[in-house]
Amino acid sequence: MSRLLESIKVFDRKFYDIEYHNARMNKTRRDLFNSHDEIDLAEVIRIPADLSHNLYKCRVVYTDGIINTEFHPYIIKPITALKVVYDDFILYDYKYEDRKEFLKHLDDVGDSEILIVKNGLITDTSYSNIVFSDNEKFITPATPLLKGTKREKLLKKGKIFEEEVRLIDLHKFKYAYLINAMIDLEDDIRIPINKILF
């Protein structure tokens, strides 16, 4: 079975949203490996003594147990356009290390990021959930490929709301925001709706 990942934000030598990573990882371990013990990543992972106070991604590889952890400096890359791709068969219910499902689409879009449509419904980009805004409310598709930790947190806090979103609905919105464990709404990684390319 393929190995799995958690990508955890570390800033100022602190972990962010670790309870959401714990919940997803332990659910995955139960579902795929029948592992019923609970792992607390905050107890298992040690931040290296020489790590600066800058932004890092902590990459945790696991199966039924933790295989390894790595810390990498992280810079949020600017995205200027999204290219719509269609894939009715893509599956990414769990955060697998193997990302070939996404790579086959990324080969065809150059410098753009992809926006995946499955069975007529908007899902995710290759590395993030997506949130649409009309400048009043924030809507995330009810059909993500992967329920990201940031998405779960924002839903729980009532900052974003779920709805089915189709391509024909895009005219209702002004911007698309990318969110993941490393990127929050406040980071303002947003793309004007007219930069979603078909």
C-alpha atoms as a PDB file:
ATOM      1  CA  MET A   1       0.000   0.000   0.000  1.00  0.00           C
ATOM      2  CA  SER A   2       1.167   3.511  -0.814  1.00  0.00           C
ATOM      3  CA  ARG A   3       2.652   5.634   1.917  1.00  0.00           C
ATOM      4  CA  LEU A   4       0.759   8.672   3.196  1.00  0.00           C
ATOM      5  CA  LEU A   5       1.618  12.237   4.109  1.00  0.00           C
ATOM      6  CA  GLU A   6       0.802  14.988   6.514  1.00  0.00           C
ATOM      7  CA  SER A   7       2.193  18.440   5.716  1.00  0.00           C
ATOM      8  CA  ILE A   8       2.208  20.607   8.827  1.00  0.00           C
ATOM      9  CA  LYS A   9       2.845  24.330   9.008  1.00  0.00           C
ATOM     10  CA  VAL A  10       5.680  25.348  11.328  1.00  0.00           C
ATOM     11  CA  PHE A  11       6.217  29.040  11.976  1.00  0.00           C
ATOM     12  CA  ASP A  12       8.168  30.702  14.764  1.00  0.00           C
ATOM     13  CA  ARG A  13       9.111  27.155  15.824  1.00  0.00           C
ATOM     14  CA  LYS A  14       5.456  26.261  16.499  1.00  0.00           C
ATOM     15  CA  PHE A  15       3.173  23.691  14.891  1.00  0.00           C
ATOM     16  CA  TYR A  16      -0.132  24.948  13.488  1.00  0.00           C
ATOM     17  CA  ASP A  17      -3.464  23.089  13.507  1.00  0.00           C
ATOM     18  CA  ILE A  18      -1.837  19.891  14.704  1.00  0.00           C
ATOM     19  CA  GLU A  19      -5.129  18.589  16.133  1.00  0.00           C
ATOM     20  CA  TYR A  20      -6.573  18.503  12.592  1.00  0.00           C
ATOM     21  CA  HIS A  21      -3.529  16.617  11.302  1.00  0.00           C
ATOM     22  CA  ASN A  22      -3.793  14.161  14.198  1.00  0.00           C
ATOM     23  CA  ALA A  23      -7.468  13.565  13.452  1.00  0.00           C
ATOM     24  CA  ARG A  24      -6.925  12.957   9.737  1.00  0.00           C
ATOM     25  CA  MET A  25      -3.848  10.794  10.195  1.00  0.00           C
ATOM     26  CA  ASN A  26      -5.435   8.605  12.862  1.00  0.00           C
ATOM     27  CA  LYS A  27      -8.629   8.209  10.816  1.00  0.00           C
ATOM     28  CA  THR A  28      -6.505   7.178   7.812  1.00  0.00           C
ATOM     29  CA  ARG A  29      -4.580   4.676   9.960  1.00  0.00           C
ATOM     30  CA  ARG A  30      -7.861   3.174  11.171  1.00  0.00           C
ATOM     31  CA  ASP A  31      -9.406   3.047   7.701  1.00  0.00           C
ATOM     32  CA  LEU A  32      -6.423   1.650   5.803  1.00  0.00           C
ATOM     33  CA  PHE A  33      -4.406  -0.266   8.398  1.00  0.00           C
ATOM     34  CA  ASN A  34      -6.938  -1.102  11.107  1.00  0.00           C
ATOM     35  CA  SER A  35      -4.699   0.722  13.608  1.00  0.00           C
ATOM     36  CA  HIS A  36      -6.715   1.801  16.638  1.00  0.00           C
ATOM     37  CA  ASP A  37      -4.012   3.414  18.753  1.00  0.00           C
ATOM     38  CA  GLU A  38      -3.829   7.216  18.589  1.00  0.00           C
ATOM     39  CA  ILE A  39      -0.648   9.011  17.584  1.00  0.00           C
ATOM     40  CA  ASP A  40      -0.160  12.599  18.769  1.00  0.00           C
ATOM     41  CA  LEU A  41       2.205  14.232  16.282  1.00  0.00           C
ATOM     42  CA  ALA A  42       3.100  16.976  18.772  1.00  0.00           C
ATOM     43  CA  GLU A  43       4.555  14.308  21.054  1.00  0.00           C
ATOM     44  CA  VAL A  44       6.282  12.307  18.309  1.00  0.00           C
ATOM     45  CA  ILE A  45       7.910  15.102  16.275  1.00  0.00           C
ATOM     46  CA  ARG A  46      10.716  17.231  17.634  1.00  0.00           C
ATOM     47  CA  ILE A  47      11.463  20.588  16.030  1.00  0.00           C
ATOM     48  CA  PRO A  48      15.220  20.621  15.299  1.00  0.00           C
ATOM     49  CA  ALA A  49      17.237  22.860  17.605  1.00  0.00           C
ATOM     50  CA  ASP A  50      18.789  24.705  14.660  1.00  0.00           C
ATOM     51  CA  LEU A  51      15.494  25.471  12.900  1.00  0.00           C
ATOM     52  CA  SER A  52      14.989  29.220  12.472  1.00  0.00           C
ATOM     53  CA  HIS A  53      11.787  31.148  13.236  1.00  0.00           C
ATOM     54  CA  ASN A  54      10.861  31.289   9.525  1.00  0.00           C
ATOM     55  CA  LEU A  55       8.085  29.370   7.751  1.00  0.00           C
ATOM     56  CA  TYR A  56       8.632  25.627   7.272  1.00  0.00           C
ATOM     57  CA  LYS A  57       6.678  22.650   6.066  1.00  0.00           C
ATOM     58  CA  CYS A  58       7.021  19.597   8.276  1.00  0.00           C
ATOM     59  CA  ARG A  59       6.545  16.583   6.002  1.00  0.00           C
ATOM     60  CA  VAL A  60       5.452  13.434   7.852  1.00  0.00           C
ATOM     61  CA  VAL A  61       5.474  10.129   5.954  1.00  0.00           C
ATOM     62  CA  TYR A  62       3.529   7.264   7.517  1.00  0.00           C
ATOM     63  CA  THR A  63       1.654   4.014   7.059  1.00  0.00           C
ATOM     64  CA  ASP A  64       0.408   2.359  10.262  1.00  0.00           C
ATOM     65  CA  GLY A  65       3.236   4.185  12.042  1.00  0.00           C
ATOM     66  CA  ILE A  66       5.492   7.176  11.379  1.00  0.00           C
ATOM     67  CA  ILE A  67       8.217   6.409   8.824  1.00  0.00           C
ATOM     68  CA  ASN A  68      10.060   9.732   8.768  1.00  0.00           C
ATOM     69  CA  THR A  69       9.740  13.482   9.237  1.00  0.00           C
ATOM     70  CA  GLU A  70      11.491  16.277   7.373  1.00  0.00           C
ATOM     71  CA  PHE A  71      11.473  20.065   7.672  1.00  0.00           C
ATOM     72  CA  HIS A  72      11.693  22.195   4.523  1.00  0.00           C
ATOM     73  CA  PRO A  73      11.665  26.004   4.165  1.00  0.00           C
ATOM     74  CA  TYR A  74       8.396  27.062   2.557  1.00  0.00           C
ATOM     75  CA  ILE A  75       7.663  29.932   0.215  1.00  0.00           C
ATOM     76  CA  ILE A  76       4.103  30.433  -1.011  1.00  0.00           C
ATOM     77  CA  LYS A  77       4.287  30.424  -4.781  1.00  0.00           C
ATOM     78  CA  PRO A  78       2.151  32.942  -6.665  1.00  0.00           C
ATOM     79  CA  ILE A  79      -0.526  31.493  -8.932  1.00  0.00           C
ATOM     80  CA  THR A  80      -1.895  33.715 -11.706  1.00  0.00           C
ATOM     81  CA  ALA A  81      -4.257  31.332 -13.524  1.00  0.00           C
ATOM     82  CA  LEU A  82      -6.128  28.051 -13.138  1.00  0.00           C
ATOM     83  CA  LYS A  83      -6.608  25.633 -16.032  1.00  0.00           C
ATOM     84  CA  VAL A  84      -9.727  23.477 -15.906  1.00  0.00           C
ATOM     85  CA  VAL A  85      -9.096  19.753 -16.398  1.00  0.00           C
ATOM     86  CA  TYR A  86     -11.710  17.009 -16.451  1.00  0.00           C
ATOM     87  CA  ASP A  87     -11.231  13.668 -14.733  1.00  0.00           C
ATOM     88  CA  ASP A  88     -14.226  11.549 -13.711  1.00  0.00           C
ATOM     89  CA  PHE A  89     -12.032   8.748 -12.363  1.00  0.00           C
ATOM     90  CA  ILE A  90      -9.518  10.545 -10.160  1.00  0.00           C
ATOM     91  CA  LEU A  91      -9.450   9.304  -6.545  1.00  0.00           C
ATOM     92  CA  TYR A  92      -7.565  10.952  -3.704  1.00  0.00           C
ATOM     93  CA  ASP A  93      -9.660  10.265  -0.604  1.00  0.00           C
ATOM     94  CA  TYR A  94      -6.486   9.967   1.466  1.00  0.00           C
ATOM     95  CA  LYS A  95      -3.322  12.086   1.313  1.00  0.00           C
ATOM     96  CA  TYR A  96      -1.086   9.616  -0.490  1.00  0.00           C
ATOM     97  CA  GLU A  97       2.597  10.249  -1.116  1.00  0.00           C
ATOM     98  CA  ASP A  98       2.045   8.983  -4.676  1.00  0.00           C
ATOM     99  CA  ARG A  99       0.613  11.914  -6.655  1.00  0.00           C
ATOM    100  CA  LYS A 100       0.585  10.458 -10.164  1.00  0.00           C
ATOM    101  CA  GLU A 101      -3.152  11.208 -10.423  1.00  0.00           C
ATOM    102  CA  PHE A 102      -2.257  14.918 -10.431  1.00  0.00           C
ATOM    103  CA  LEU A 103       1.043  14.794 -12.288  1.00  0.00           C
ATOM    104  CA  LYS A 104      -0.575  13.457 -15.459  1.00  0.00           C
ATOM    105  CA  HIS A 105      -2.660  16.656 -15.660  1.00  0.00           C
ATOM    106  CA  LEU A 106       0.099  19.050 -14.632  1.00  0.00           C
ATOM    107  CA  ASP A 107       2.198  17.948 -17.611  1.00  0.00           C
ATOM    108  CA  ASP A 108      -0.322  19.608 -19.932  1.00  0.00           C
ATOM    109  CA  VAL A 109      -0.813  23.051 -18.390  1.00  0.00           C
ATOM    110  CA  GLY A 110       2.598  24.718 -18.364  1.00  0.00           C
ATOM    111  CA  ASP A 111       2.943  27.270 -15.556  1.00  0.00           C
ATOM    112  CA  SER A 112      -0.746  27.305 -14.629  1.00  0.00           C
ATOM    113  CA  GLU A 113      -2.239  25.392 -11.744  1.00  0.00           C
ATOM    114  CA  ILE A 114      -5.059  22.942 -12.483  1.00  0.00           C
ATOM    115  CA  LEU A 115      -8.667  23.054 -11.315  1.00  0.00           C
ATOM    116  CA  ILE A 116     -10.135  19.553 -11.415  1.00  0.00           C
ATOM    117  CA  VAL A 117     -13.732  18.909 -12.446  1.00  0.00           C
ATOM    118  CA  LYS A 118     -15.100  15.449 -11.629  1.00  0.00           C
ATOM    119  CA  ASN A 119     -18.555  14.333 -12.753  1.00  0.00           C
ATOM    120  CA  GLY A 120     -19.438  17.923 -13.575  1.00  0.00           C
ATOM    121  CA  LEU A 121     -18.499  19.263 -10.120  1.00  0.00           C
ATOM    122  CA  ILE A 122     -15.512  21.400  -9.158  1.00  0.00           C
ATOM    123  CA  THR A 123     -13.207  19.649  -6.687  1.00  0.00           C
ATOM    124  CA  ASP A 124      -9.658  20.841  -5.900  1.00  0.00           C
ATOM    125  CA  THR A 125      -6.413  22.030  -7.423  1.00  0.00           C
ATOM    126  CA  SER A 126      -3.400  19.711  -7.473  1.00  0.00           C
ATOM    127  CA  TYR A 127      -2.191  20.843  -4.041  1.00  0.00           C
ATOM    128  CA  SER A 128      -5.009  22.738  -2.379  1.00  0.00           C
ATOM    129  CA  ASN A 129      -8.677  23.006  -1.678  1.00  0.00           C
ATOM    130  CA  ILE A 130     -10.408  25.962  -3.270  1.00  0.00           C
ATOM    131  CA  VAL A 131     -12.726  28.622  -1.902  1.00  0.00           C
ATOM    132  CA  PHE A 132     -14.824  30.959  -4.051  1.00  0.00           C
ATOM    133  CA  SER A 133     -15.782  34.451  -2.945  1.00  0.00           C
ATOM    134  CA  ASP A 134     -18.323  37.011  -4.113  1.00  0.00           C
ATOM    135  CA  ASN A 135     -16.787  39.504  -1.626  1.00  0.00           C
ATOM    136  CA  GLU A 136     -19.496  38.669   0.922  1.00  0.00           C
ATOM    137  CA  LYS A 137     -19.286  34.942   1.648  1.00  0.00           C
ATOM    138  CA  PHE A 138     -16.787  32.188   1.053  1.00  0.00           C
ATOM    139  CA  ILE A 139     -17.948  28.941  -0.566  1.00  0.00           C
ATOM    140  CA  THR A 140     -15.908  25.759  -0.876  1.00  0.00           C
ATOM    141  CA  PRO A 141     -17.031  22.882  -3.105  1.00  0.00           C
ATOM    142  CA  ALA A 142     -18.927  20.153  -1.253  1.00  0.00           C
ATOM    143  CA  THR A 143     -17.093  17.618  -3.445  1.00  0.00           C
ATOM    144  CA  PRO A 144     -13.370  17.911  -2.627  1.00  0.00           C
ATOM    145  CA  LEU A 145     -11.006  15.150  -3.649  1.00  0.00           C
ATOM    146  CA  LEU A 146      -9.340  15.466  -0.239  1.00  0.00           C
ATOM    147  CA  LYS A 147     -10.796  17.033   2.889  1.00  0.00           C
ATOM    148  CA  GLY A 148      -7.900  19.284   3.763  1.00  0.00           C
ATOM    149  CA  THR A 149      -7.078  20.263   7.323  1.00  0.00           C
ATOM    150  CA  LYS A 150      -7.393  24.002   6.654  1.00  0.00           C
ATOM    151  CA  ARG A 151     -10.737  23.409   4.933  1.00  0.00           C
ATOM    152  CA  GLU A 152     -11.980  21.439   7.952  1.00  0.00           C
ATOM    153  CA  LYS A 153     -10.853  24.174  10.345  1.00  0.00           C
ATOM    154  CA  LEU A 154     -12.493  26.987   8.356  1.00  0.00           C
ATOM    155  CA  LEU A 155     -15.733  25.026   8.017  1.00  0.00           C
ATOM    156  CA  LYS A 156     -15.786  24.315  11.745  1.00  0.00           C
ATOM    157  CA  LYS A 157     -15.235  28.001  12.529  1.00  0.00           C
ATOM    158  CA  GLY A 158     -17.993  29.059  10.126  1.00  0.00           C
ATOM    159  CA  LYS A 159     -15.642  31.118   7.947  1.00  0.00           C
ATOM    160  CA  ILE A 160     -16.435  29.119   4.802  1.00  0.00           C
ATOM    161  CA  PHE A 161     -19.492  27.134   3.715  1.00  0.00           C
ATOM    162  CA  GLU A 162     -19.975  24.051   1.548  1.00  0.00           C
ATOM    163  CA  GLU A 163     -21.990  24.026  -1.662  1.00  0.00           C
ATOM    164  CA  GLU A 164     -21.868  22.025  -4.861  1.00  0.00           C
ATOM    165  CA  VAL A 165     -20.109  24.224  -7.413  1.00  0.00           C
ATOM    166  CA  ARG A 166     -20.231  23.683 -11.180  1.00  0.00           C
ATOM    167  CA  LEU A 167     -18.399  25.589 -13.870  1.00  0.00           C
ATOM    168  CA  ILE A 168     -21.635  27.372 -14.792  1.00  0.00           C
ATOM    169  CA  ASP A 169     -21.731  28.778 -11.232  1.00  0.00           C
ATOM    170  CA  LEU A 170     -18.396  30.573 -11.518  1.00  0.00           C
ATOM    171  CA  HIS A 171     -19.973  33.791 -12.809  1.00  0.00           C
ATOM    172  CA  LYS A 172     -21.459  34.299  -9.337  1.00  0.00           C
ATOM    173  CA  PHE A 173     -17.988  34.766  -7.837  1.00  0.00           C
ATOM    174  CA  LYS A 174     -15.179  37.302  -8.127  1.00  0.00           C
ATOM    175  CA  TYR A 175     -12.208  35.311  -6.830  1.00  0.00           C
ATOM    176  CA  ALA A 176     -10.952  31.805  -6.190  1.00  0.00           C
ATOM    177  CA  TYR A 177      -8.712  31.367  -3.135  1.00  0.00           C
ATOM    178  CA  LEU A 178      -6.305  28.478  -2.674  1.00  0.00           C
ATOM    179  CA  ILE A 179      -6.059  27.045   0.847  1.00  0.00           C
ATOM    180  CA  ASN A 180      -4.090  24.194   2.372  1.00  0.00           C
ATOM    181  CA  ALA A 181      -2.207  23.468   5.583  1.00  0.00           C
ATOM    182  CA  MET A 182       0.404  26.053   4.605  1.00  0.00           C
ATOM    183  CA  ILE A 183      -1.917  28.676   3.093  1.00  0.00           C
ATOM    184  CA  ASP A 184      -4.777  30.470   4.845  1.00  0.00           C
ATOM    185  CA  LEU A 185      -7.417  32.815   3.433  1.00  0.00           C
ATOM    186  CA  GLU A 186      -5.501  35.732   4.951  1.00  0.00           C
ATOM    187  CA  ASP A 187      -2.490  34.892   2.775  1.00  0.00           C
ATOM    188  CA  ASP A 188      -4.636  36.144  -0.119  1.00  0.00           C
ATOM    189  CA  ILE A 189      -3.592  33.567  -2.713  1.00  0.00           C
ATOM    190  CA  ARG A 190      -6.494  34.458  -4.948  1.00  0.00           C
ATOM    191  CA  ILE A 191      -7.165  34.255  -8.648  1.00  0.00           C
ATOM    192  CA  PRO A 192      -9.733  36.413 -10.443  1.00  0.00           C
ATOM    193  CA  ILE A 193     -12.518  34.266 -11.832  1.00  0.00           C
ATOM    194  CA  ASN A 194     -11.690  35.430 -15.379  1.00  0.00           C
ATOM    195  CA  LYS A 195      -8.274  33.783 -14.937  1.00  0.00           C
ATOM    196  CA  ILE A 196      -9.900  30.341 -14.749  1.00  0.00           C
ATOM    197  CA  LEU A 197      -9.108  29.050 -18.224  1.00  0.00           C
ATOM    198  CA  PHE A 198     -10.983  26.418 -20.233  1.00  0.00           C
END
